Amino acid sequence: MDHFSDALVQYHDRSKHRVNRYAPGPHEFDWMAQPNPYREFHGAPRVNLPLAADTFHTRYNDVRCGALPFAYRIDLRNLSILFELSLGLSAWKTYRATRWALRCNPSSGNLHPTEGYLLCPHLLGLPAGIYHYLSRDHLLERRAAVDDSRWTTAFAGKGVLVGLSSIHWREAWKYGMRAWRYCQHDCGHAIAAVSYVAAALGWQTRLLEAPADDEVARLLGLDRSEDFGTAERESPDVLLWVGHPDGRPDIDRMLSASDAAAWYGCANQLSAKQVRWPDIDSIRIATFKSRTRELSTASAERRRLPAAPALDLSFAQVARQRRSAVEFDGTTSITSAAFFAMLECLMTCSDTPPWNSLVSPPAVHPVLLVHRVGGLEAGLYVLVRNPEAWSSLQASMRPEWLWEKTGPDHLPLYFLLPFDLRASAKWISCHQNIAADSCFALGMLTRFASALQEPWRYRHLFWECGMLGHALYLEAEAAGVRATGIGCFFDDEMHALLGLKDHEWQSLYHFTVGGAVEDQRLSSEPPYQRQR
């Protein structure tokens, strides 16, 4: 094991919640240091985006089935829809004198460490350049003007790039050492959110695996010390190609052109003070990604079309109404048909969101604790999303598990244990009732050992977990129920339940779906007040 792999294992183990102690975090909240949820670049020219999401009528069921519309033109108006429904605000909530915003992309604690960027050639209504998206005002800040033929030819007229970065302090303020994990979850949620909206516009999304982290930072302007000063820095995450599925930008041309660009704006400081978490610095360095070879899109069989959800909603409505439940009623159940349809939407497909964005085979497998699914026995199940993982999963878990194939023939769902696991779900989820009062809860098993060879893939495992979570969020809304991510769980208690004895397989994210109890004390307001 080399130095970086050793640092990865140390962080992973030290950041686990345990029954007798939680992962290192702040002893109390310093409310005076709570970070501003909105990054701005003062002095950067601004481009107001039209509020156009109500003008297109793609149905959510069409998107989840891959029945995508004819590709919309890539222009300012349609890019506005992309950002509004993926990274924009979805509503304002108020309780007495307190007011806060919700967004279309989920986030741990509603803290939103993820920042979004647009890199584009000259488009109708938008000059060529590098832009930062300010969700609060639904506008683009022009970080760089790029007037260079190399920049234009790099896109080949086939699409644009969406860049994502993370501000770790936004999460660390509340969650301490474990915050880095949550930033990766949130990045995965954002990748999926972009992929879904792009598909609703008839576009395909591809995650670019080749660029190094420092190249992503150069393209997004994150390495420009003079633009950040004492402001909190952003860590580069990923570049997403959005547009024609066969298009690929020329990153070297873009890097060359961006070096000669005219840059604008200085980052605002988000917090009066920061607390440094050395373990986050350590894992950030250990998972640094160098330039690698760009892989071709992973081949995936076209999956069976999932059954239609209970509610026939427009995609815009589903995206805006997505919420994280804070309490479940403990009585709501869903049908087995609805349950199977949700799981079918977690299976990979090369042209259906959000899995069209990935170029690597699936590496995350949900282990489901089923409580209230009509026609399905309560107990433990596993969805094996990659058949190559089946033998390893079976060998790593308890030898007495049943491994009975259940559900539709084409769905790789296996029944492991008939048992009422509500108490176990609550116990594993840091004693939270929400895991037991749901229709089902789940943990996301990943082949942790694969990251020891290429430590940067540790981030990708979390991203894939976040993508699964986002798919479940949307599926739950369309089924008439609600979902929520569970970041607080006792890692090794989950592993003990399954009989996992080493680092080969680890659970990286937990989730739950059920009948939400609405808080009637809260009132809602539209996300944006200006005229649509």
Protein backbone atom coordinates (compact mmCIF):
# COMPACT_ATOMS: atom_id res chain seq x y z
CA MET A 1 0.00 0.00 0.00
CA ASP A 2 1.53 3.35 -1.04
CA HIS A 3 1.41 6.63 0.88
CA PHE A 4 -1.77 7.90 -0.80
CA SER A 5 -3.64 4.62 -0.35
CA ASP A 6 -2.61 4.56 3.30
CA ALA A 7 -3.86 8.14 3.75
CA LEU A 8 -7.15 7.16 2.07
CA VAL A 9 -7.72 4.22 4.45
CA GLN A 10 -6.81 6.36 7.46
CA TYR A 11 -9.28 9.06 6.48
CA HIS A 12 -12.01 6.54 5.69
CA ASP A 13 -11.66 4.80 9.05
CA ARG A 14 -11.19 7.95 11.11
CA SER A 15 -14.23 9.60 9.52
CA LYS A 16 -16.56 6.74 10.43
CA HIS A 17 -19.32 7.25 12.97
CA ARG A 18 -19.13 4.59 15.67
CA VAL A 19 -21.57 3.55 18.37
CA ASN A 20 -19.29 4.77 21.14
CA ARG A 21 -18.10 7.94 19.38
CA TYR A 22 -19.00 10.03 16.38
CA ALA A 23 -16.49 11.17 13.76
CA PRO A 24 -14.53 14.29 14.83
CA GLY A 25 -16.65 17.40 14.44
CA PRO A 26 -17.24 20.80 16.02
CA HIS A 27 -18.20 20.67 19.68
CA GLU A 28 -20.81 23.37 19.04
CA PHE A 29 -22.01 25.48 16.13
CA ASP A 30 -20.31 28.84 15.77
CA TRP A 31 -23.27 30.63 14.23
CA MET A 32 -21.21 33.78 13.64
CA ALA A 33 -18.96 31.75 11.32
CA GLN A 34 -21.75 30.06 9.36
CA PRO A 35 -20.69 30.29 5.70
CA ASN A 36 -22.58 32.34 3.15
CA PRO A 37 -24.34 29.81 0.85
CA TYR A 38 -23.69 31.97 -2.23
CA ARG A 39 -20.33 32.44 -3.90
CA GLU A 40 -20.05 35.68 -5.88
CA PHE A 41 -17.26 37.19 -7.96
CA HIS A 42 -17.42 40.93 -7.33
CA GLY A 43 -16.61 42.97 -10.41
CA ALA A 44 -17.43 40.22 -12.90
CA PRO A 45 -19.90 41.21 -15.65
CA ARG A 46 -23.30 39.63 -15.09
CA VAL A 47 -25.72 38.02 -17.52
CA ASN A 48 -29.29 37.70 -16.25
CA LEU A 49 -30.86 34.41 -17.26
CA PRO A 50 -34.50 34.18 -18.34
CA LEU A 51 -36.79 32.13 -16.11
CA ALA A 52 -37.78 29.80 -18.91
CA ALA A 53 -38.31 26.40 -17.27
CA ASP A 54 -42.10 26.71 -17.49
CA THR A 55 -41.93 26.95 -21.28
CA PHE A 56 -40.94 23.37 -22.00
CA HIS A 57 -43.17 20.43 -21.28
CA THR A 58 -41.09 17.27 -21.25
CA ARG A 59 -42.69 14.68 -18.95
CA TYR A 60 -40.66 13.09 -16.20
CA ASN A 61 -41.70 9.58 -17.25
CA ASP A 62 -40.33 10.18 -20.75
CA VAL A 63 -36.96 11.24 -19.32
CA ARG A 64 -36.65 8.22 -17.00
CA CYS A 65 -37.54 5.92 -19.89
CA GLY A 66 -35.06 7.51 -22.29
CA ALA A 67 -37.79 8.82 -24.63
CA LEU A 68 -36.01 12.13 -25.03
CA PRO A 69 -37.28 15.04 -27.12
CA PHE A 70 -35.56 16.25 -30.27
CA ALA A 71 -32.50 18.18 -29.07
CA TYR A 72 -33.24 21.80 -28.16
CA ARG A 73 -30.92 24.43 -29.56
CA ILE A 74 -27.98 25.17 -27.28
CA ASP A 75 -28.50 28.87 -26.55
CA LEU A 76 -28.90 31.22 -23.61
CA ARG A 77 -32.56 30.43 -23.03
CA ASN A 78 -32.16 26.68 -22.94
CA LEU A 79 -28.95 26.79 -20.91
CA SER A 80 -30.94 28.91 -18.48
CA ILE A 81 -33.39 25.99 -18.11
CA LEU A 82 -30.46 23.63 -17.57
CA PHE A 83 -29.10 25.65 -14.66
CA GLU A 84 -32.48 26.63 -13.20
CA LEU A 85 -33.70 23.04 -12.80
CA SER A 86 -30.37 21.47 -11.82
CA LEU A 87 -28.49 23.96 -9.63
CA GLY A 88 -31.05 26.73 -9.13
CA LEU A 89 -33.40 27.53 -6.26
CA SER A 90 -36.61 25.55 -5.99
CA ALA A 91 -38.37 27.51 -3.23
CA TRP A 92 -37.96 29.76 -0.20
CA LYS A 93 -39.11 28.50 3.19
CA THR A 94 -39.99 30.68 6.16
CA TYR A 95 -40.58 29.95 9.83
CA ARG A 96 -41.29 32.98 11.98
CA ALA A 97 -38.40 35.39 11.31
CA THR A 98 -36.17 32.79 9.63
CA ARG A 99 -36.04 32.43 5.84
CA TRP A 100 -33.94 30.03 3.80
CA ALA A 101 -33.75 28.75 0.23
CA LEU A 102 -34.09 25.21 -1.10
CA ARG A 103 -32.44 24.09 -4.33
CA CYS A 104 -33.11 21.54 -7.03
CA ASN A 105 -29.86 19.71 -6.24
CA PRO A 106 -29.86 18.01 -2.82
CA SER A 107 -27.26 18.88 -0.21
CA SER A 108 -26.27 17.61 3.21
CA GLY A 109 -27.76 19.96 5.77
CA ASN A 110 -28.88 22.28 2.93
CA LEU A 111 -25.35 23.75 3.06
CA HIS A 112 -24.56 23.46 -0.69
CA PRO A 113 -20.80 23.19 -1.07
CA THR A 114 -21.10 22.61 -4.83
CA GLU A 115 -20.49 25.50 -7.25
CA GLY A 116 -21.43 25.39 -10.94
CA TYR A 117 -19.63 26.82 -13.98
CA LEU A 118 -20.34 27.07 -17.70
CA LEU A 119 -17.67 26.95 -20.39
CA CYS A 120 -19.00 27.70 -23.86
CA PRO A 121 -18.17 28.99 -27.33
CA HIS A 122 -20.05 32.00 -28.64
CA LEU A 123 -23.76 31.21 -28.50
CA LEU A 124 -26.88 33.12 -29.38
CA GLY A 125 -27.16 35.67 -26.57
CA LEU A 126 -23.94 34.65 -24.81
CA PRO A 127 -20.31 35.56 -25.67
CA ALA A 128 -17.65 32.86 -25.54
CA GLY A 129 -16.12 32.43 -22.13
CA ILE A 130 -16.08 30.94 -18.66
CA TYR A 131 -19.02 31.71 -16.38
CA HIS A 132 -19.94 31.12 -12.75
CA TYR A 133 -23.58 30.39 -11.92
CA LEU A 134 -25.06 32.40 -9.03
CA SER A 135 -28.14 30.44 -8.00
CA ARG A 136 -29.55 33.09 -5.66
CA ASP A 137 -30.17 35.48 -8.55
CA HIS A 138 -30.26 32.97 -11.42
CA LEU A 139 -27.51 34.66 -13.41
CA LEU A 140 -24.11 33.97 -14.89
CA GLU A 141 -21.01 35.87 -13.81
CA ARG A 142 -18.52 36.13 -16.65
CA ARG A 143 -15.25 35.03 -15.12
CA ALA A 144 -13.27 35.04 -18.35
CA ALA A 145 -13.63 36.37 -21.90
CA VAL A 146 -12.01 34.02 -24.38
CA ASP A 147 -11.62 35.47 -27.85
CA ASP A 148 -9.57 32.76 -29.46
CA SER A 149 -10.14 30.42 -32.38
CA ARG A 150 -8.60 27.58 -30.39
CA TRP A 151 -11.38 27.95 -27.81
CA THR A 152 -14.14 27.87 -30.42
CA THR A 153 -12.75 24.90 -32.32
CA ALA A 154 -12.31 22.98 -29.06
CA PHE A 155 -16.10 22.65 -28.82
CA ALA A 156 -16.61 21.72 -32.48
CA GLY A 157 -20.09 23.26 -32.29
CA LYS A 158 -21.46 20.18 -30.52
CA GLY A 159 -21.97 21.23 -26.92
CA VAL A 160 -20.79 23.03 -23.78
CA LEU A 161 -19.03 22.10 -20.56
CA VAL A 162 -20.49 22.33 -17.07
CA GLY A 163 -17.85 22.44 -14.34
CA LEU A 164 -18.42 21.56 -10.68
CA SER A 165 -16.29 22.44 -7.67
CA SER A 166 -16.62 22.10 -3.89
CA ILE A 167 -16.08 24.51 -1.00
CA HIS A 168 -15.30 22.06 1.80
CA TRP A 169 -15.63 24.60 4.57
CA ARG A 170 -19.35 25.00 3.90
CA GLU A 171 -19.86 21.42 5.11
CA ALA A 172 -17.00 21.28 7.62
CA TRP A 173 -18.50 24.20 9.56
CA LYS A 174 -21.28 21.83 10.66
CA TYR A 175 -19.95 18.31 10.12
CA GLY A 176 -16.21 18.56 10.70
CA MET A 177 -14.02 15.78 9.40
CA ARG A 178 -16.81 13.79 7.73
CA ALA A 179 -17.72 16.85 5.64
CA TRP A 180 -15.43 15.81 2.78
CA ARG A 181 -17.59 12.72 2.29
CA TYR A 182 -20.72 14.85 2.11
CA CYS A 183 -19.16 17.18 -0.44
CA GLN A 184 -18.58 14.16 -2.69
CA HIS A 185 -22.19 13.00 -2.19
CA ASP A 186 -23.37 16.48 -3.17
CA CYS A 187 -21.19 16.46 -6.27
CA GLY A 188 -22.83 13.19 -7.30
CA HIS A 189 -26.28 14.67 -6.72
CA ALA A 190 -25.30 17.65 -8.90
CA ILE A 191 -23.94 15.42 -11.69
CA ALA A 192 -27.24 13.56 -11.75
CA ALA A 193 -29.27 16.77 -11.60
CA VAL A 194 -27.44 18.19 -14.63
CA SER A 195 -27.78 14.89 -16.51
CA TYR A 196 -31.54 14.70 -15.93
CA VAL A 197 -32.26 18.28 -17.04
CA ALA A 198 -29.97 17.95 -20.05
CA ALA A 199 -31.89 14.83 -21.08
CA ALA A 200 -35.19 16.68 -20.69
CA LEU A 201 -33.76 19.13 -23.25
CA GLY A 202 -32.77 16.29 -25.59
CA TRP A 203 -29.05 16.50 -24.75
CA GLN A 204 -26.66 13.82 -23.57
CA THR A 205 -24.20 14.23 -20.70
CA ARG A 206 -20.75 12.67 -20.42
CA LEU A 207 -18.36 12.88 -17.46
CA LEU A 208 -14.85 13.65 -18.66
CA GLU A 209 -12.48 11.29 -16.86
CA ALA A 210 -9.22 12.33 -18.54
CA PRO A 211 -8.48 15.87 -17.20
CA ALA A 212 -6.29 16.25 -14.13
CA ASP A 213 -7.59 18.17 -11.14
CA ASP A 214 -5.14 21.01 -11.72
CA GLU A 215 -6.34 21.26 -15.34
CA VAL A 216 -9.96 21.52 -14.18
CA ALA A 217 -8.85 24.20 -11.71
CA ARG A 218 -7.12 26.16 -14.51
CA LEU A 219 -10.18 26.03 -16.74
CA LEU A 220 -12.53 27.16 -13.96
CA GLY A 221 -10.13 29.82 -12.66
CA LEU A 222 -9.87 28.15 -9.27
CA ASP A 223 -6.07 28.36 -9.24
CA ARG A 224 -6.05 32.16 -9.54
CA SER A 225 -4.82 33.24 -6.11
CA GLU A 226 -5.20 36.90 -7.05
CA ASP A 227 -8.95 36.36 -7.55
CA PHE A 228 -9.50 34.61 -4.21
CA GLY A 229 -7.23 36.41 -1.75
CA THR A 230 -8.42 35.41 1.73
CA ALA A 231 -11.71 33.98 0.41
CA GLU A 232 -12.40 30.27 0.82
CA ARG A 233 -10.88 28.26 -2.01
CA GLU A 234 -12.78 25.83 -4.22
CA SER A 235 -11.59 22.32 -4.97
CA PRO A 236 -12.05 21.16 -8.57
CA ASP A 237 -14.40 18.23 -9.00
CA VAL A 238 -15.45 17.43 -12.54
CA LEU A 239 -16.18 18.62 -16.07
CA LEU A 240 -19.40 17.43 -17.74
CA TRP A 241 -19.83 17.50 -21.49
CA VAL A 242 -23.41 18.46 -22.34
CA GLY A 243 -24.68 18.27 -25.91
CA HIS A 244 -24.11 15.86 -28.78
CA PRO A 245 -23.24 12.38 -27.43
CA ASP A 246 -20.36 11.92 -29.89
CA GLY A 247 -18.82 15.31 -29.15
CA ARG A 248 -15.69 15.61 -27.05
CA PRO A 249 -13.99 18.94 -26.29
CA ASP A 250 -10.30 19.40 -26.94
CA ILE A 251 -9.07 20.10 -23.41
CA ASP A 252 -5.54 21.01 -24.50
CA ARG A 253 -6.84 23.68 -26.86
CA MET A 254 -9.09 25.03 -24.13
CA LEU A 255 -6.24 25.19 -21.63
CA SER A 256 -4.06 27.05 -24.09
CA ALA A 257 -6.82 29.52 -24.90
CA SER A 258 -7.80 30.06 -21.25
CA ASP A 259 -4.24 31.05 -20.37
CA ALA A 260 -4.63 34.06 -22.69
CA ALA A 261 -8.14 34.93 -21.47
CA ALA A 262 -9.14 38.17 -19.77
CA TRP A 263 -10.32 37.31 -16.25
CA TYR A 264 -12.83 39.26 -14.18
CA GLY A 265 -14.01 39.36 -10.60
CA CYS A 266 -12.83 38.57 -7.08
CA ALA A 267 -14.41 35.90 -4.87
CA ASN A 268 -16.40 36.98 -1.84
CA GLN A 269 -15.39 35.74 1.59
CA LEU A 270 -18.04 33.37 2.88
CA SER A 271 -17.24 33.21 6.57
CA ALA A 272 -15.78 35.45 9.23
CA LYS A 273 -13.40 32.66 10.22
CA GLN A 274 -12.57 29.09 9.33
CA VAL A 275 -11.53 26.05 11.33
CA ARG A 276 -8.91 23.99 9.56
CA TRP A 277 -9.50 20.24 9.39
CA PRO A 278 -6.13 18.63 8.53
CA ASP A 279 -7.80 15.30 7.71
CA ILE A 280 -9.76 17.00 4.92
CA ASP A 281 -6.55 18.48 3.57
CA SER A 282 -4.97 15.03 3.73
CA ILE A 283 -7.74 13.23 1.83
CA ARG A 284 -7.92 16.02 -0.74
CA ILE A 285 -4.21 15.53 -1.50
CA ALA A 286 -4.43 11.73 -1.38
CA THR A 287 -7.25 11.67 -3.95
CA PHE A 288 -5.68 14.18 -6.35
CA LYS A 289 -6.24 13.09 -9.93
CA SER A 290 -3.57 13.27 -12.63
CA ARG A 291 -4.25 13.27 -16.37
CA THR A 292 -5.49 9.87 -17.48
CA ARG A 293 -6.71 8.34 -20.70
CA GLU A 294 -10.27 9.25 -21.71
CA LEU A 295 -12.37 6.11 -21.73
CA SER A 296 -15.06 5.40 -24.24
CA THR A 297 -18.62 5.32 -22.97
CA ALA A 298 -19.29 2.18 -20.96
CA SER A 299 -21.44 -0.27 -22.83
CA ALA A 300 -24.69 -1.07 -21.10
CA GLU A 301 -27.64 -3.07 -22.27
CA ARG A 302 -30.72 -1.02 -22.83
CA ARG A 303 -32.73 -1.77 -19.73
CA ARG A 304 -36.40 -2.65 -19.70
CA LEU A 305 -38.68 0.35 -19.49
CA PRO A 306 -39.79 0.87 -15.89
CA ALA A 307 -43.49 0.91 -15.10
CA ALA A 308 -45.04 4.37 -15.21
CA PRO A 309 -45.03 6.15 -11.85
CA ALA A 310 -48.22 6.91 -9.94
CA LEU A 311 -48.08 10.61 -10.82
CA ASP A 312 -47.70 11.84 -14.41
CA LEU A 313 -45.74 15.03 -13.73
CA SER A 314 -43.76 17.36 -15.94
CA PHE A 315 -40.03 17.17 -15.44
CA ALA A 316 -39.95 20.78 -14.25
CA GLN A 317 -42.51 20.00 -11.55
CA VAL A 318 -40.63 16.96 -10.28
CA ALA A 319 -37.32 18.86 -10.22
CA ARG A 320 -38.79 21.78 -8.27
CA GLN A 321 -40.84 19.81 -5.74
CA ARG A 322 -38.00 17.44 -4.77
CA ARG A 323 -37.51 17.70 -1.01
CA SER A 324 -35.62 15.88 1.71
CA ALA A 325 -38.14 14.46 4.16
CA VAL A 326 -37.42 15.15 7.82
CA GLU A 327 -39.98 12.74 9.24
CA PHE A 328 -41.98 9.74 7.99
CA ASP A 329 -45.41 8.64 9.21
CA GLY A 330 -44.54 5.00 9.85
CA THR A 331 -47.69 3.77 8.11
CA THR A 332 -47.40 4.57 4.38
CA SER A 333 -46.58 1.66 2.12
CA ILE A 334 -45.87 1.38 -1.60
CA THR A 335 -46.72 -1.43 -4.00
CA SER A 336 -44.13 -3.92 -5.10
CA ALA A 337 -44.66 -2.67 -8.67
CA ALA A 338 -43.68 0.86 -7.60
CA PHE A 339 -40.69 -0.51 -5.68
CA PHE A 340 -39.46 -2.53 -8.65
CA ALA A 341 -39.90 0.46 -10.95
CA MET A 342 -37.72 2.57 -8.66
CA LEU A 343 -35.01 -0.09 -8.69
CA GLU A 344 -35.20 -0.42 -12.46
CA CYS A 345 -34.34 3.29 -12.69
CA LEU A 346 -31.15 2.57 -10.75
CA MET A 347 -29.89 0.19 -13.44
CA THR A 348 -27.39 1.63 -15.89
CA CYS A 349 -28.24 2.51 -19.47
CA SER A 350 -25.89 4.23 -21.92
CA ASP A 351 -28.38 6.86 -23.11
CA THR A 352 -30.72 7.36 -20.12
CA PRO A 353 -30.02 9.78 -17.26
CA PRO A 354 -28.26 9.92 -14.99
CA TRP A 355 -26.24 6.85 -16.01
CA ASN A 356 -25.51 8.20 -19.48
CA SER A 357 -22.96 10.52 -17.85
CA LEU A 358 -20.73 7.69 -16.61
CA VAL A 359 -18.02 5.96 -18.60
CA SER A 360 -17.14 3.32 -15.99
CA PRO A 361 -19.17 0.21 -15.07
CA PRO A 362 -21.46 0.53 -12.02
CA ALA A 363 -19.59 0.14 -8.75
CA VAL A 364 -22.34 0.73 -6.17
CA HIS A 365 -24.92 -1.83 -5.05
CA PRO A 366 -27.89 -0.95 -2.81
CA VAL A 367 -28.55 -3.22 0.16
CA LEU A 368 -32.23 -2.69 1.00
CA LEU A 369 -33.98 -3.01 4.35
CA VAL A 370 -37.59 -3.41 3.25
CA HIS A 371 -40.29 -2.51 5.79
CA ARG A 372 -43.54 -1.60 4.00
CA VAL A 373 -43.72 -2.77 0.41
CA GLY A 374 -47.01 -4.42 -0.45
CA GLY A 375 -46.63 -7.96 -1.75
CA LEU A 376 -42.97 -8.16 -0.74
CA GLU A 377 -41.78 -9.86 2.44
CA ALA A 378 -40.05 -7.59 4.94
CA GLY A 379 -36.35 -8.23 5.17
CA LEU A 380 -32.95 -7.74 3.57
CA TYR A 381 -32.41 -7.50 -0.19
CA VAL A 382 -29.53 -6.52 -2.47
CA LEU A 383 -29.64 -5.06 -5.98
CA VAL A 384 -26.54 -6.23 -7.86
CA ARG A 385 -26.11 -3.50 -10.47
CA ASN A 386 -23.06 -5.11 -12.08
CA PRO A 387 -23.15 -8.89 -12.59
CA GLU A 388 -19.37 -9.06 -12.26
CA ALA A 389 -19.72 -8.11 -8.58
CA TRP A 390 -22.14 -10.93 -7.69
CA SER A 391 -19.59 -13.55 -6.66
CA SER A 392 -17.52 -11.12 -4.60
CA LEU A 393 -20.58 -9.78 -2.80
CA GLN A 394 -21.81 -13.27 -2.01
CA ALA A 395 -18.38 -14.40 -0.78
CA SER A 396 -17.97 -11.31 1.41
CA MET A 397 -21.34 -11.51 3.18
CA ARG A 398 -22.72 -13.97 5.70
CA PRO A 399 -22.70 -17.54 4.35
CA GLU A 400 -26.24 -18.19 5.65
CA TRP A 401 -27.90 -15.55 3.42
CA LEU A 402 -30.52 -17.00 1.08
CA TRP A 403 -29.60 -15.21 -2.19
CA GLU A 404 -33.02 -15.99 -3.68
CA LYS A 405 -33.72 -14.21 -6.97
CA THR A 406 -36.92 -12.19 -6.62
CA GLY A 407 -38.91 -9.59 -8.52
CA PRO A 408 -39.04 -9.27 -12.33
CA ASP A 409 -36.79 -11.67 -14.21
CA HIS A 410 -34.67 -8.87 -15.67
CA LEU A 411 -34.07 -7.13 -12.30
CA PRO A 412 -30.99 -8.49 -10.45
CA LEU A 413 -32.65 -8.29 -7.03
CA TYR A 414 -31.84 -10.94 -4.42
CA PHE A 415 -33.64 -11.75 -1.17
CA LEU A 416 -31.13 -12.37 1.63
CA LEU A 417 -33.03 -12.51 4.91
CA PRO A 418 -36.72 -12.58 5.93
CA PHE A 419 -36.87 -10.42 9.07
CA ASP A 420 -38.37 -7.22 10.46
CA LEU A 421 -35.32 -4.93 10.30
CA ARG A 422 -36.90 -1.68 11.45
CA ALA A 423 -35.01 -1.68 14.74
CA SER A 424 -31.75 -2.43 12.92
CA ALA A 425 -32.38 0.35 10.40
CA LYS A 426 -32.94 2.85 13.21
CA TRP A 427 -29.89 1.65 15.15
CA ILE A 428 -27.55 1.78 12.15
CA SER A 429 -28.82 5.24 11.13
CA CYS A 430 -27.57 6.90 14.32
CA HIS A 431 -30.85 6.07 16.13
CA GLN A 432 -32.94 8.06 13.61
CA ASN A 433 -36.60 7.02 13.39
CA ILE A 434 -36.74 8.07 9.75
CA ALA A 435 -34.92 4.90 8.69
CA ALA A 436 -37.48 2.67 10.44
CA ASP A 437 -40.67 4.64 9.71
CA SER A 438 -40.09 4.46 5.96
CA CYS A 439 -41.22 2.04 3.26
CA PHE A 440 -37.60 0.97 2.84
CA ALA A 441 -34.11 2.09 3.76
CA LEU A 442 -30.84 1.19 2.12
CA GLY A 443 -27.08 1.35 2.34
CA MET A 444 -24.89 1.71 -0.74
CA LEU A 445 -22.13 -0.89 -0.88
CA THR A 446 -19.06 -0.01 -2.92
CA ARG A 447 -15.96 -1.97 -3.78
CA PHE A 448 -13.70 0.14 -1.62
CA ALA A 449 -10.65 -1.93 -2.50
CA SER A 450 -10.79 -0.66 -6.08
CA ALA A 451 -9.93 2.84 -4.86
CA LEU A 452 -6.69 1.66 -3.28
CA GLN A 453 -5.18 1.18 -6.74
CA GLU A 454 -6.31 4.58 -8.00
CA PRO A 455 -7.16 6.70 -4.94
CA TRP A 456 -8.93 9.37 -6.99
CA ARG A 457 -11.64 6.82 -7.70
CA TYR A 458 -12.62 7.04 -4.04
CA ARG A 459 -14.30 10.32 -4.98
CA HIS A 460 -16.06 8.67 -7.91
CA LEU A 461 -17.54 6.02 -5.62
CA PHE A 462 -19.16 8.75 -3.52
CA TRP A 463 -20.35 10.51 -6.68
CA GLU A 464 -22.06 7.36 -7.90
CA CYS A 465 -23.75 7.04 -4.50
CA GLY A 466 -25.00 10.60 -4.83
CA MET A 467 -26.31 9.85 -8.31
CA LEU A 468 -28.25 6.86 -6.99
CA GLY A 469 -29.66 9.08 -4.29
CA HIS A 470 -30.80 11.71 -6.75
CA ALA A 471 -32.52 9.09 -8.91
CA LEU A 472 -34.37 7.88 -5.81
CA TYR A 473 -35.34 11.44 -4.88
CA LEU A 474 -37.05 11.96 -8.25
CA GLU A 475 -38.57 8.49 -8.30
CA ALA A 476 -40.05 8.99 -4.84
CA GLU A 477 -41.69 12.28 -5.84
CA ALA A 478 -43.23 10.69 -8.93
CA ALA A 479 -44.50 7.79 -6.81
CA GLY A 480 -46.26 10.15 -4.43
CA VAL A 481 -43.89 9.58 -1.52
CA ARG A 482 -40.67 11.28 -0.45
CA ALA A 483 -37.01 10.43 0.15
CA THR A 484 -34.04 11.62 2.11
CA GLY A 485 -30.33 10.91 2.25
CA ILE A 486 -28.86 9.73 5.54
CA GLY A 487 -25.28 10.83 6.02
CA CYS A 488 -25.20 9.89 9.70
CA PHE A 489 -24.91 6.13 10.05
CA PHE A 490 -22.71 3.74 11.97
CA ASP A 491 -20.54 2.44 9.15
CA ASP A 492 -19.23 -0.70 10.80
CA GLU A 493 -22.58 -1.63 12.33
CA MET A 494 -23.91 -1.86 8.78
CA HIS A 495 -20.89 -3.96 7.81
CA ALA A 496 -21.44 -6.22 10.85
CA LEU A 497 -25.08 -6.78 9.88
CA LEU A 498 -23.93 -7.98 6.46
CA GLY A 499 -20.97 -9.98 7.78
CA LEU A 500 -18.34 -7.84 6.03
CA LYS A 501 -14.99 -8.33 7.75
CA ASP A 502 -12.47 -6.23 5.80
CA HIS A 503 -12.17 -3.20 3.51
CA GLU A 504 -13.13 -5.05 0.32
CA TRP A 505 -16.70 -3.71 0.53
CA GLN A 506 -17.80 -0.60 2.41
CA SER A 507 -21.09 1.29 2.72
CA LEU A 508 -20.66 4.95 1.73
CA TYR A 509 -24.17 6.44 1.80
CA HIS A 510 -27.55 5.58 3.28
CA PHE A 511 -31.00 6.51 2.05
CA THR A 512 -34.66 6.04 2.89
CA VAL A 513 -38.04 6.43 1.16
CA GLY A 514 -41.47 6.76 2.77
CA GLY A 515 -44.58 8.79 3.50
CA ALA A 516 -43.48 12.24 4.60
CA VAL A 517 -44.97 14.18 7.51
CA GLU A 518 -45.20 17.80 6.41
CA ASP A 519 -44.30 20.56 8.84
CA GLN A 520 -47.35 22.81 8.75
CA ARG A 521 -45.50 25.58 10.56
CA LEU A 522 -43.47 26.37 7.44
CA SER A 523 -44.64 28.58 4.61
CA SER A 524 -43.32 28.53 1.05
CA GLU A 525 -42.50 31.24 -1.46
CA PRO A 526 -41.51 30.99 -5.14
CA PRO A 527 -37.76 30.65 -5.82
CA TYR A 528 -37.48 33.82 -7.91
CA GLN A 529 -39.59 36.95 -7.63
CA ARG A 530 -38.73 38.58 -10.94
CA GLN A 531 -41.08 38.18 -13.88
CA ARG A 532 -40.94 34.87 -15.69
